[in-house]
Amino acid sequence: MAKPIEARQRAILKRLDKFSHFTDSSIGIPFTRFKFGADSIIGLVPVVGDVAGLLISSYVLVEAQRAGASKEVKLRVLRNMGIDFVGGLVPVVGDAFDAIYKANTRNTRLLRSYLEEQLAVEPPPPPFPWWKLIGLSALLALIIGGLVLIF
């Protein structure tokens, strides 16, 4: 059975997979392998669309915080969001950049890699209970010694 932390992290990854698919690759161009998502369409509105896309993309950062991601991972998520935002501000070329860069998918992969690395690291086993063993051995010795004296 999955541990509560592992189950929570897997649920986060499942939500992020759906989110990044919707925002980055939910719409396919017929007869091609190219896909884009809602983020690209929102980004078509100059400046306002890019700001809205940045706000929507911050959801990945919120999930990274919930998952307990390291500061380094969250900074990389922010960097990808910034690159996507600034790249999307460039007229005409920015819209194509936005469709190609797919920041949410990159950030989901980044968080997935981090969480899978964390899940693969097993906590160290608990230390051997030497004091219990010594205590039980002493108790057993007293009982056996008492029985020897009685009989």
Protein backbone atom coordinates (compact mmCIF):
# COMPACT_ATOMS: atom_id res chain seq x y z
CA MET A 1 0.00 0.00 0.00
CA ALA A 2 1.30 3.44 -0.90
CA LYS A 3 2.43 5.72 1.89
CA PRO A 4 0.35 8.90 2.40
CA ILE A 5 3.14 11.18 1.15
CA GLU A 6 3.73 9.04 -1.92
CA ALA A 7 0.00 8.92 -2.70
CA ARG A 8 -0.25 12.71 -2.31
CA GLN A 9 2.73 13.27 -4.62
CA ARG A 10 1.35 10.90 -7.24
CA ALA A 11 -1.99 12.75 -7.10
CA ILE A 12 -0.14 16.04 -7.63
CA LEU A 13 1.65 14.59 -10.66
CA LYS A 14 -1.63 13.31 -12.09
CA ARG A 15 -3.21 16.78 -11.76
CA LEU A 16 -0.16 18.41 -13.32
CA ASP A 17 -0.19 15.97 -16.24
CA LYS A 18 -3.79 16.93 -17.01
CA PHE A 19 -3.03 20.63 -16.55
CA SER A 20 0.06 20.66 -18.77
CA HIS A 21 -1.72 18.64 -21.45
CA PHE A 22 -4.62 21.12 -21.48
CA THR A 23 -2.41 24.21 -21.50
CA ASP A 24 0.34 23.00 -23.84
CA SER A 25 -0.81 20.21 -26.15
CA SER A 26 -4.56 19.61 -26.10
CA ILE A 27 -5.23 20.84 -29.66
CA GLY A 28 -3.68 19.04 -32.60
CA ILE A 29 -3.22 20.42 -36.09
CA PRO A 30 -4.73 17.93 -38.56
CA PHE A 31 -2.29 15.87 -40.63
CA THR A 32 0.67 16.95 -38.47
CA ARG A 33 2.19 15.85 -35.18
CA PHE A 34 2.21 19.42 -33.87
CA LYS A 35 0.02 20.22 -30.88
CA PHE A 36 -0.60 23.36 -28.90
CA GLY A 37 -2.86 24.19 -26.01
CA ALA A 38 -5.03 26.75 -24.32
CA ASP A 39 -1.99 28.75 -23.19
CA SER A 40 -1.06 29.42 -26.82
CA ILE A 41 -4.57 30.59 -27.64
CA ILE A 42 -4.75 32.85 -24.56
CA GLY A 43 -1.32 34.25 -25.53
CA LEU A 44 -2.70 35.53 -28.84
CA VAL A 45 -4.21 38.50 -26.98
CA PRO A 46 -1.30 40.97 -26.77
CA VAL A 47 0.19 41.49 -23.29
CA VAL A 48 -3.04 40.67 -21.41
CA GLY A 49 -2.99 37.11 -22.76
CA ASP A 50 0.64 36.66 -21.75
CA VAL A 51 -0.05 37.96 -18.24
CA ALA A 52 -3.07 35.64 -17.98
CA GLY A 53 -0.89 32.74 -19.19
CA LEU A 54 1.70 33.58 -16.54
CA LEU A 55 -0.97 33.59 -13.84
CA ILE A 56 -2.37 30.28 -15.05
CA SER A 57 1.11 28.77 -15.19
CA SER A 58 1.68 29.70 -11.54
CA TYR A 59 -0.52 26.69 -10.71
CA VAL A 60 2.52 24.46 -11.30
CA LEU A 61 4.45 26.52 -8.75
CA VAL A 62 1.62 26.12 -6.23
CA GLU A 63 1.66 22.35 -6.74
CA ALA A 64 5.46 22.31 -6.40
CA GLN A 65 5.06 24.04 -3.05
CA ARG A 66 2.39 21.51 -1.97
CA ALA A 67 4.66 18.65 -2.97
CA GLY A 68 7.49 20.03 -0.87
CA ALA A 69 9.81 20.65 -3.82
CA SER A 70 13.22 22.10 -3.08
CA LYS A 71 14.01 25.78 -3.49
CA GLU A 72 16.16 24.92 -6.52
CA VAL A 73 13.27 23.16 -8.29
CA LYS A 74 10.89 26.05 -7.58
CA LEU A 75 13.45 28.55 -8.93
CA ARG A 76 13.77 26.49 -12.12
CA VAL A 77 9.98 26.46 -12.45
CA LEU A 78 9.98 30.26 -12.06
CA ARG A 79 12.75 30.56 -14.65
CA ASN A 80 10.74 28.53 -17.18
CA MET A 81 7.67 30.65 -16.46
CA GLY A 82 9.72 33.82 -16.99
CA ILE A 83 11.20 32.60 -20.27
CA ASP A 84 7.73 31.69 -21.52
CA PHE A 85 6.31 35.05 -20.45
CA VAL A 86 9.08 37.20 -21.95
CA GLY A 87 9.23 35.08 -25.12
CA GLY A 88 5.46 35.42 -25.54
CA LEU A 89 5.63 39.23 -25.37
CA VAL A 90 7.45 39.47 -28.72
CA PRO A 91 4.82 40.28 -31.39
CA VAL A 92 3.98 37.43 -33.83
CA VAL A 93 7.15 35.41 -33.11
CA GLY A 94 6.18 35.25 -29.43
CA ASP A 95 2.99 33.39 -30.22
CA ALA A 96 4.93 30.72 -32.10
CA PHE A 97 7.50 30.60 -29.30
CA ASP A 98 4.72 30.11 -26.76
CA ALA A 99 3.34 27.16 -28.73
CA ILE A 100 6.78 25.55 -29.05
CA TYR A 101 8.36 26.22 -25.62
CA LYS A 102 5.57 24.54 -23.59
CA ALA A 103 6.66 25.81 -20.16
CA ASN A 104 3.98 23.93 -18.23
CA THR A 105 5.04 20.61 -19.72
CA ARG A 106 8.68 21.41 -18.94
CA ASN A 107 7.79 22.32 -15.36
CA THR A 108 5.67 19.20 -14.90
CA ARG A 109 8.59 17.05 -16.14
CA LEU A 110 10.93 18.92 -13.80
CA LEU A 111 8.68 18.32 -10.81
CA ARG A 112 8.08 14.69 -11.83
CA SER A 113 11.82 14.07 -11.99
CA TYR A 114 12.32 15.64 -8.57
CA LEU A 115 9.46 13.73 -6.93
CA GLU A 116 10.41 10.38 -8.45
CA GLU A 117 13.94 10.92 -7.19
CA GLN A 118 12.53 11.63 -3.72
CA LEU A 119 10.25 8.57 -3.83
CA ALA A 120 13.14 6.33 -4.89
CA VAL A 121 15.12 7.25 -1.80
CA GLU A 122 14.00 4.95 0.95
CA PRO A 123 14.34 6.16 4.51
CA PRO A 124 17.05 4.40 6.50
CA PRO A 125 15.88 1.42 8.53
CA PRO A 126 15.31 2.09 12.23
CA PRO A 127 18.29 1.30 14.46
CA PHE A 128 18.45 -2.12 16.04
CA PRO A 129 16.84 -2.02 19.52
CA TRP A 130 19.96 -3.04 21.47
CA TRP A 131 18.65 -1.75 24.81
CA LYS A 132 15.51 -3.85 24.52
CA LEU A 133 17.60 -6.93 23.68
CA ILE A 134 19.92 -6.32 26.63
CA GLY A 135 16.97 -5.65 28.97
CA LEU A 136 15.11 -8.78 27.88
CA SER A 137 18.30 -10.86 28.18
CA ALA A 138 18.89 -9.56 31.72
CA LEU A 139 15.27 -10.28 32.66
CA LEU A 140 15.52 -13.79 31.23
CA ALA A 141 18.81 -14.35 33.14
CA LEU A 142 17.13 -13.24 36.38
CA ILE A 143 14.19 -15.57 35.81
CA ILE A 144 16.44 -18.53 34.97
CA GLY A 145 18.74 -17.71 37.90
CA GLY A 146 15.76 -17.53 40.24
CA LEU A 147 14.42 -20.85 38.97
CA VAL A 148 17.85 -22.49 39.43
CA LEU A 149 18.02 -21.25 43.04
CA ILE A 150 14.51 -22.46 43.79
CA PHE A 151 14.97 -25.95 42.37
